[in-house]
């Protein structure tokens, strides 16, 4: 009975990680690139190892149970680590993207301020023209 509960937990965990991998592959399919492909292959390999360990444990005799349980625990630990690394990598990528966006916005704002200071009359006329066009469009 105890073994059945443990196996069910492992099966649910496998399904969860398979769904996570599918989501990762769908979201990054457009971006592609060797880094994304390497991550996908690595996670597929880790997931395959965990599935193999689960299958061996599921069909294990009572004598084989403990040694195979230890092997499956190692496989699932590696699987978790792999997904944690992807999560960390995604967070780092998002942080870099946010910083780049902030830098670009700051730079663009500085250029706009400089242009307005150097060309105040043109800036007012451009703003009035844009306001007029937007007013016509949204009427």
N, C-alpha and C. Protein backbone atom coordinates (compact mmCIF):
# COMPACT_ATOMS: atom_id res chain seq x y z
N UNK A 1 0.82 -1.20 0.00
CA UNK A 1 0.00 0.00 0.00
C UNK A 1 0.87 1.26 0.00
N UNK A 2 1.93 1.26 0.83
CA UNK A 2 2.85 2.38 0.90
C UNK A 2 3.54 2.60 -0.44
N UNK A 3 3.92 1.50 -1.09
CA UNK A 3 4.57 1.60 -2.40
C UNK A 3 3.64 2.20 -3.44
N UNK A 4 2.37 1.85 -3.36
CA UNK A 4 1.40 2.37 -4.33
C UNK A 4 1.26 3.88 -4.22
N UNK A 5 1.20 4.38 -3.01
CA UNK A 5 1.10 5.83 -2.82
C UNK A 5 2.34 6.53 -3.35
N UNK A 6 3.50 5.95 -3.10
CA UNK A 6 4.76 6.53 -3.59
C UNK A 6 4.78 6.53 -5.12
N UNK A 7 4.37 5.44 -5.71
CA UNK A 7 4.33 5.35 -7.18
C UNK A 7 3.34 6.36 -7.76
N UNK A 8 2.20 6.53 -7.12
CA UNK A 8 1.23 7.51 -7.59
C UNK A 8 1.79 8.93 -7.53
N UNK A 9 2.52 9.22 -6.46
CA UNK A 9 3.16 10.54 -6.35
C UNK A 9 4.16 10.76 -7.48
N UNK A 10 4.96 9.73 -7.75
CA UNK A 10 5.95 9.84 -8.84
C UNK A 10 5.26 10.00 -10.19
N UNK A 11 4.18 9.25 -10.39
CA UNK A 11 3.45 9.34 -11.66
C UNK A 11 2.88 10.76 -11.85
N UNK A 12 2.32 11.32 -10.79
CA UNK A 12 1.79 12.69 -10.86
C UNK A 12 2.89 13.70 -11.13
N UNK A 13 4.03 13.47 -10.52
CA UNK A 13 5.16 14.37 -10.74
C UNK A 13 5.65 14.28 -12.19
N UNK A 14 5.70 13.07 -12.73
CA UNK A 14 6.09 12.90 -14.14
C UNK A 14 5.14 13.65 -15.06
N UNK A 15 3.85 13.52 -14.80
CA UNK A 15 2.85 14.21 -15.63
C UNK A 15 3.01 15.72 -15.53
N UNK A 16 3.27 16.21 -14.33
CA UNK A 16 3.47 17.65 -14.13
C UNK A 16 4.67 18.15 -14.93
N UNK A 17 5.79 17.41 -14.84
CA UNK A 17 6.99 17.84 -15.56
C UNK A 17 6.83 17.68 -17.07
N UNK A 18 6.09 16.68 -17.50
CA UNK A 18 5.83 16.54 -18.94
C UNK A 18 5.03 17.74 -19.44
N UNK A 19 4.03 18.15 -18.66
CA UNK A 19 3.23 19.33 -19.03
C UNK A 19 4.08 20.59 -19.03
N UNK A 20 4.96 20.73 -18.05
CA UNK A 20 5.85 21.89 -18.01
C UNK A 20 6.77 21.91 -19.22
N UNK A 21 7.29 20.75 -19.59
CA UNK A 21 8.18 20.67 -20.75
C UNK A 21 7.42 21.03 -22.02
N UNK A 22 6.21 20.53 -22.16
CA UNK A 22 5.40 20.87 -23.33
C UNK A 22 5.15 22.37 -23.41
N UNK A 23 4.87 22.98 -22.26
CA UNK A 23 4.64 24.43 -22.22
C UNK A 23 5.90 25.19 -22.61
N UNK A 24 7.03 24.77 -22.08
CA UNK A 24 8.30 25.42 -22.41
C UNK A 24 8.57 25.32 -23.90
N UNK A 25 8.37 24.13 -24.47
CA UNK A 25 8.64 23.94 -25.89
C UNK A 25 7.71 24.78 -26.75
N UNK A 26 6.44 24.91 -26.37
CA UNK A 26 5.49 25.72 -27.14
C UNK A 26 5.84 27.20 -27.07
N UNK A 27 6.16 27.67 -25.86
CA UNK A 27 6.44 29.09 -25.68
C UNK A 27 7.71 29.54 -26.39
N UNK A 28 8.71 28.67 -26.41
CA UNK A 28 9.98 29.05 -27.00
C UNK A 28 10.17 28.53 -28.41
N UNK A 29 9.15 27.93 -28.97
CA UNK A 29 9.26 27.36 -30.32
C UNK A 29 9.61 28.45 -31.34
N UNK A 30 8.99 29.62 -31.20
CA UNK A 30 9.23 30.71 -32.14
C UNK A 30 10.65 31.24 -32.04
N UNK A 31 11.17 31.33 -30.80
CA UNK A 31 12.51 31.87 -30.60
C UNK A 31 13.58 30.93 -31.12
N UNK A 32 13.37 29.64 -30.89
CA UNK A 32 14.31 28.64 -31.38
C UNK A 32 15.73 28.91 -30.93
N UNK A 33 16.64 28.57 -31.76
CA UNK A 33 18.04 28.80 -31.44
C UNK A 33 18.65 27.61 -30.74
N UNK A 34 19.97 27.51 -30.82
CA UNK A 34 20.66 26.36 -30.24
C UNK A 34 20.50 26.25 -28.73
N UNK A 35 20.44 27.39 -28.02
CA UNK A 35 20.31 27.34 -26.56
C UNK A 35 18.98 26.71 -26.16
N UNK A 36 17.91 27.11 -26.82
CA UNK A 36 16.58 26.57 -26.52
C UNK A 36 16.53 25.09 -26.88
N UNK A 37 17.11 24.74 -28.02
CA UNK A 37 17.13 23.33 -28.43
C UNK A 37 17.92 22.48 -27.43
N UNK A 38 19.06 23.00 -26.97
CA UNK A 38 19.86 22.27 -25.99
C UNK A 38 19.10 22.06 -24.69
N UNK A 39 18.40 23.09 -24.24
CA UNK A 39 17.61 22.99 -23.01
C UNK A 39 16.52 21.95 -23.17
N UNK A 40 15.84 22.00 -24.30
CA UNK A 40 14.76 21.05 -24.57
C UNK A 40 15.27 19.62 -24.60
N UNK A 41 16.39 19.40 -25.27
CA UNK A 41 16.98 18.06 -25.35
C UNK A 41 17.38 17.59 -23.95
N UNK A 42 18.01 18.47 -23.20
CA UNK A 42 18.45 18.13 -21.84
C UNK A 42 17.27 17.76 -20.94
N UNK A 43 16.22 18.58 -20.99
CA UNK A 43 15.05 18.28 -20.17
C UNK A 43 14.35 17.01 -20.62
N UNK A 44 14.30 16.78 -21.93
CA UNK A 44 13.72 15.53 -22.44
C UNK A 44 14.50 14.33 -21.94
N UNK A 45 15.82 14.46 -21.92
CA UNK A 45 16.68 13.37 -21.45
C UNK A 45 16.43 13.10 -19.96
N UNK A 46 16.39 14.17 -19.16
CA UNK A 46 16.13 14.01 -17.73
C UNK A 46 14.75 13.41 -17.47
N UNK A 47 13.77 13.86 -18.25
CA UNK A 47 12.42 13.32 -18.11
C UNK A 47 12.39 11.84 -18.50
N UNK A 48 13.10 11.49 -19.56
CA UNK A 48 13.18 10.10 -19.98
C UNK A 48 13.82 9.22 -18.92
N UNK A 49 14.89 9.72 -18.30
CA UNK A 49 15.54 8.97 -17.22
C UNK A 49 14.57 8.75 -16.05
N UNK A 50 13.83 9.79 -15.71
CA UNK A 50 12.88 9.68 -14.60
C UNK A 50 11.76 8.69 -14.96
N UNK A 51 11.30 8.73 -16.21
CA UNK A 51 10.26 7.78 -16.64
C UNK A 51 10.78 6.34 -16.60
N UNK A 52 12.02 6.15 -17.02
CA UNK A 52 12.62 4.81 -16.96
C UNK A 52 12.72 4.32 -15.51
N UNK A 53 13.17 5.20 -14.64
CA UNK A 53 13.30 4.84 -13.23
C UNK A 53 11.93 4.49 -12.64
N UNK A 54 10.93 5.27 -13.02
CA UNK A 54 9.57 5.00 -12.55
C UNK A 54 9.09 3.63 -13.05
N UNK A 55 9.33 3.34 -14.32
CA UNK A 55 8.89 2.06 -14.89
C UNK A 55 9.59 0.89 -14.19
N UNK A 56 10.88 1.03 -13.93
CA UNK A 56 11.60 -0.03 -13.23
C UNK A 56 11.08 -0.22 -11.81
N UNK A 57 10.82 0.88 -11.15
CA UNK A 57 10.32 0.81 -9.78
C UNK A 57 8.92 0.21 -9.74
N UNK A 58 8.12 0.56 -10.73
CA UNK A 58 6.75 0.05 -10.78
C UNK A 58 6.72 -1.47 -10.93
N UNK A 59 7.66 -2.00 -11.68
CA UNK A 59 7.68 -3.45 -11.92
C UNK A 59 8.64 -4.20 -10.99
N UNK A 60 9.18 -3.50 -9.99
CA UNK A 60 10.17 -4.10 -9.10
C UNK A 60 9.53 -5.08 -8.12
N UNK A 61 10.29 -6.09 -7.81
CA UNK A 61 9.88 -7.02 -6.76
C UNK A 61 10.18 -6.37 -5.41
N UNK A 62 9.72 -6.98 -4.34
CA UNK A 62 9.94 -6.42 -3.01
C UNK A 62 11.44 -6.29 -2.70
N UNK A 63 12.24 -7.28 -3.16
CA UNK A 63 13.68 -7.24 -2.91
C UNK A 63 14.36 -6.10 -3.69
N UNK A 64 13.86 -5.82 -4.87
CA UNK A 64 14.45 -4.79 -5.72
C UNK A 64 13.98 -3.39 -5.36
N UNK A 65 12.92 -3.31 -4.58
CA UNK A 65 12.24 -2.03 -4.35
C UNK A 65 13.18 -0.95 -3.80
N UNK A 66 13.85 -1.18 -2.70
CA UNK A 66 14.68 -0.14 -2.06
C UNK A 66 15.82 0.34 -2.96
N UNK A 67 16.61 -0.58 -3.56
CA UNK A 67 17.68 -0.07 -4.44
C UNK A 67 17.13 0.74 -5.62
N UNK A 68 16.04 0.27 -6.20
CA UNK A 68 15.46 1.00 -7.33
C UNK A 68 14.80 2.30 -6.88
N UNK A 69 14.30 2.31 -5.67
CA UNK A 69 13.72 3.55 -5.13
C UNK A 69 14.81 4.61 -5.02
N UNK A 70 15.98 4.19 -4.55
CA UNK A 70 17.10 5.13 -4.45
C UNK A 70 17.50 5.66 -5.82
N UNK A 71 17.52 4.80 -6.81
CA UNK A 71 17.84 5.21 -8.19
C UNK A 71 16.79 6.19 -8.70
N UNK A 72 15.52 5.87 -8.45
CA UNK A 72 14.45 6.76 -8.93
C UNK A 72 14.51 8.10 -8.22
N UNK A 73 14.86 8.10 -6.94
CA UNK A 73 14.98 9.36 -6.21
C UNK A 73 16.06 10.25 -6.82
N UNK A 74 17.16 9.63 -7.23
CA UNK A 74 18.24 10.38 -7.88
C UNK A 74 17.77 10.94 -9.23
N UNK A 75 17.06 10.11 -9.99
CA UNK A 75 16.58 10.56 -11.29
C UNK A 75 15.60 11.72 -11.15
N UNK A 76 14.71 11.63 -10.17
CA UNK A 76 13.74 12.71 -9.97
C UNK A 76 14.41 13.97 -9.40
N UNK A 77 15.44 13.79 -8.60
CA UNK A 77 16.19 14.94 -8.10
C UNK A 77 16.86 15.68 -9.27
N UNK A 78 17.45 14.93 -10.18
CA UNK A 78 18.08 15.55 -11.35
C UNK A 78 17.03 16.24 -12.23
N UNK A 79 15.87 15.62 -12.35
CA UNK A 79 14.79 16.22 -13.14
C UNK A 79 14.37 17.56 -12.52
N UNK A 80 14.18 17.57 -11.22
CA UNK A 80 13.81 18.82 -10.54
C UNK A 80 14.88 19.89 -10.72
N UNK A 81 16.14 19.49 -10.57
CA UNK A 81 17.25 20.43 -10.75
C UNK A 81 17.24 21.02 -12.16
N UNK A 82 16.99 20.17 -13.15
CA UNK A 82 16.95 20.64 -14.54
C UNK A 82 15.88 21.69 -14.75
N UNK A 83 14.69 21.43 -14.22
CA UNK A 83 13.62 22.41 -14.37
C UNK A 83 13.89 23.67 -13.55
N UNK A 84 14.51 23.52 -12.39
CA UNK A 84 14.87 24.70 -11.60
C UNK A 84 15.89 25.56 -12.33
N UNK A 85 16.84 24.91 -13.02
CA UNK A 85 17.84 25.66 -13.79
C UNK A 85 17.17 26.43 -14.93
N UNK A 86 16.21 25.81 -15.58
CA UNK A 86 15.49 26.51 -16.66
C UNK A 86 14.72 27.69 -16.09
N UNK A 87 14.11 27.50 -14.94
CA UNK A 87 13.39 28.59 -14.30
C UNK A 87 14.33 29.73 -13.95
N UNK A 88 15.49 29.41 -13.38
CA UNK A 88 16.47 30.43 -13.06
C UNK A 88 16.97 31.15 -14.31
N UNK A 89 17.22 30.36 -15.36
CA UNK A 89 17.69 30.94 -16.61
C UNK A 89 16.63 31.88 -17.20
N UNK A 90 15.37 31.47 -17.12
CA UNK A 90 14.28 32.30 -17.63
C UNK A 90 14.17 33.60 -16.83
N UNK A 91 14.33 33.49 -15.52
CA UNK A 91 14.27 34.69 -14.68
C UNK A 91 15.42 35.63 -15.01
N UNK A 92 16.61 35.08 -15.22
CA UNK A 92 17.76 35.91 -15.60
C UNK A 92 17.53 36.58 -16.94
N UNK A 93 16.99 35.82 -17.89
CA UNK A 93 16.70 36.37 -19.21
C UNK A 93 15.68 37.51 -19.11
N UNK A 94 14.65 37.29 -18.32
CA UNK A 94 13.62 38.32 -18.15
C UNK A 94 14.21 39.57 -17.49
N UNK A 95 15.07 39.37 -16.50
CA UNK A 95 15.70 40.51 -15.83
C UNK A 95 16.56 41.31 -16.80
N UNK A 96 17.33 40.61 -17.63
CA UNK A 96 18.16 41.31 -18.62
C UNK A 96 17.29 42.08 -19.60
N UNK A 97 16.19 41.48 -20.02
CA UNK A 97 15.29 42.13 -20.97
C UNK A 97 14.68 43.38 -20.35
N UNK A 98 14.29 43.30 -19.09
CA UNK A 98 13.72 44.45 -18.39
C UNK A 98 14.76 45.56 -18.29
N UNK A 99 15.98 45.21 -17.94
CA UNK A 99 17.05 46.22 -17.84
C UNK A 99 17.32 46.87 -19.19
N UNK A 100 17.34 46.07 -20.25
CA UNK A 100 17.57 46.63 -21.59
C UNK A 100 16.44 47.57 -21.98
N UNK A 101 15.22 47.20 -21.62
CA UNK A 101 14.06 48.03 -21.93
C UNK A 101 14.14 49.35 -21.16
N UNK A 102 14.52 49.27 -19.89
CA UNK A 102 14.68 50.49 -19.09
C UNK A 102 15.76 51.38 -19.68
N UNK A 103 16.88 50.79 -20.05
CA UNK A 103 17.98 51.57 -20.63
C UNK A 103 17.54 52.23 -21.93
N UNK A 104 16.83 51.49 -22.78
CA UNK A 104 16.35 52.04 -24.04
C UNK A 104 15.38 53.19 -23.78
N UNK A 105 14.46 52.99 -22.84
CA UNK A 105 13.47 54.03 -22.54
C UNK A 105 14.15 55.29 -22.01
N UNK A 106 15.12 55.11 -21.14
CA UNK A 106 15.85 56.25 -20.58
C UNK A 106 16.59 57.00 -21.68
N UNK A 107 17.24 56.23 -22.55
CA UNK A 107 17.99 56.84 -23.66
C UNK A 107 17.05 57.59 -24.60
N UNK A 108 15.91 56.97 -24.92
CA UNK A 108 14.93 57.60 -25.81
C UNK A 108 14.38 58.88 -25.18
N UNK A 109 14.11 58.84 -23.89
CA UNK A 109 13.60 60.02 -23.18
C UNK A 109 14.63 61.14 -23.22
N UNK A 110 15.89 60.79 -23.00
CA UNK A 110 16.95 61.80 -23.04
C UNK A 110 17.07 62.43 -24.42
N UNK A 111 16.97 61.61 -25.47
CA UNK A 111 17.04 62.14 -26.83
C UNK A 111 15.84 63.04 -27.11
N UNK A 112 14.67 62.65 -26.65
CA UNK A 112 13.48 63.47 -26.86
C UNK A 112 13.60 64.80 -26.14
N UNK A 113 14.07 64.77 -24.90
CA UNK A 113 14.26 66.02 -24.14
C UNK A 113 15.26 66.93 -24.83
N UNK A 114 16.34 66.35 -25.32
CA UNK A 114 17.37 67.14 -26.01
C UNK A 114 16.81 67.77 -27.28
N UNK A 115 16.03 66.99 -28.04
CA UNK A 115 15.44 67.51 -29.27
C UNK A 115 14.48 68.65 -28.96
N UNK A 116 13.69 68.48 -27.92
CA UNK A 116 12.72 69.53 -27.56
C UNK A 116 13.44 70.81 -27.14
N UNK A 117 14.52 70.68 -26.38
CA UNK A 117 15.28 71.86 -25.95
C UNK A 117 15.92 72.58 -27.14
N UNK A 118 16.40 71.80 -28.10
CA UNK A 118 17.06 72.40 -29.27
C UNK A 118 16.06 72.92 -30.30
N UNK A 119 14.85 72.36 -30.35
CA UNK A 119 13.84 72.72 -31.34
C UNK A 119 12.47 72.91 -30.67
N UNK A 120 12.33 73.92 -29.83
CA UNK A 120 11.06 74.06 -29.10
C UNK A 120 9.86 74.34 -30.00
N UNK A 121 10.01 75.21 -31.00
CA UNK A 121 8.89 75.55 -31.87
C UNK A 121 8.47 74.34 -32.70
N UNK A 122 9.42 73.66 -33.29
CA UNK A 122 9.11 72.46 -34.07
C UNK A 122 8.44 71.40 -33.19
N UNK A 123 8.90 71.27 -31.98
CA UNK A 123 8.35 70.27 -31.06
C UNK A 123 6.88 70.56 -30.76
N UNK A 124 6.57 71.84 -30.54
CA UNK A 124 5.18 72.23 -30.26
C UNK A 124 4.33 71.97 -31.49
N UNK A 125 4.83 72.31 -32.67
CA UNK A 125 4.06 72.09 -33.90
C UNK A 125 3.85 70.60 -34.17
N UNK A 126 4.87 69.80 -33.94
CA UNK A 126 4.75 68.35 -34.14
C UNK A 126 3.71 67.80 -33.16
N UNK A 127 3.79 68.20 -31.90
CA UNK A 127 2.84 67.71 -30.89
C UNK A 127 1.42 68.13 -31.26
N UNK A 128 1.25 69.37 -31.74
CA UNK A 128 -0.07 69.84 -32.13
C UNK A 128 -0.59 69.04 -33.33
N UNK A 129 0.28 68.76 -34.27
CA UNK A 129 -0.12 67.98 -35.45
C UNK A 129 -0.53 66.56 -35.06
N UNK A 130 0.23 65.95 -34.21
CA UNK A 130 -0.11 64.60 -33.76
C UNK A 130 -1.42 64.62 -32.98
N UNK A 131 -1.59 65.63 -32.12
CA UNK A 131 -2.84 65.75 -31.37
C UNK A 131 -4.03 65.93 -32.29
N UNK A 132 -3.86 66.76 -33.34
CA UNK A 132 -4.93 66.97 -34.30
C UNK A 132 -5.30 65.67 -35.02
N UNK A 133 -4.28 64.95 -35.47
CA UNK A 133 -4.53 63.66 -36.16
C UNK A 133 -5.22 62.65 -35.26
N UNK A 134 -4.75 62.55 -34.04
CA UNK A 134 -5.37 61.62 -33.10
C UNK A 134 -6.80 62.02 -32.80
N UNK A 135 -7.04 63.31 -32.70
CA UNK A 135 -8.41 63.80 -32.48
C UNK A 135 -9.34 63.40 -33.63
N UNK A 136 -8.85 63.50 -34.85
CA UNK A 136 -9.64 63.12 -36.03
C UNK A 136 -9.88 61.60 -36.05
N UNK A 137 -8.87 60.86 -35.71
CA UNK A 137 -8.98 59.39 -35.75
C UNK A 137 -9.98 58.88 -34.72
N UNK A 138 -9.93 59.43 -33.52
CA UNK A 138 -10.75 58.90 -32.43
C UNK A 138 -12.12 59.57 -32.29
N UNK A 139 -12.49 60.38 -33.22
CA UNK A 139 -13.84 60.99 -33.17
C UNK A 139 -14.89 60.04 -33.54
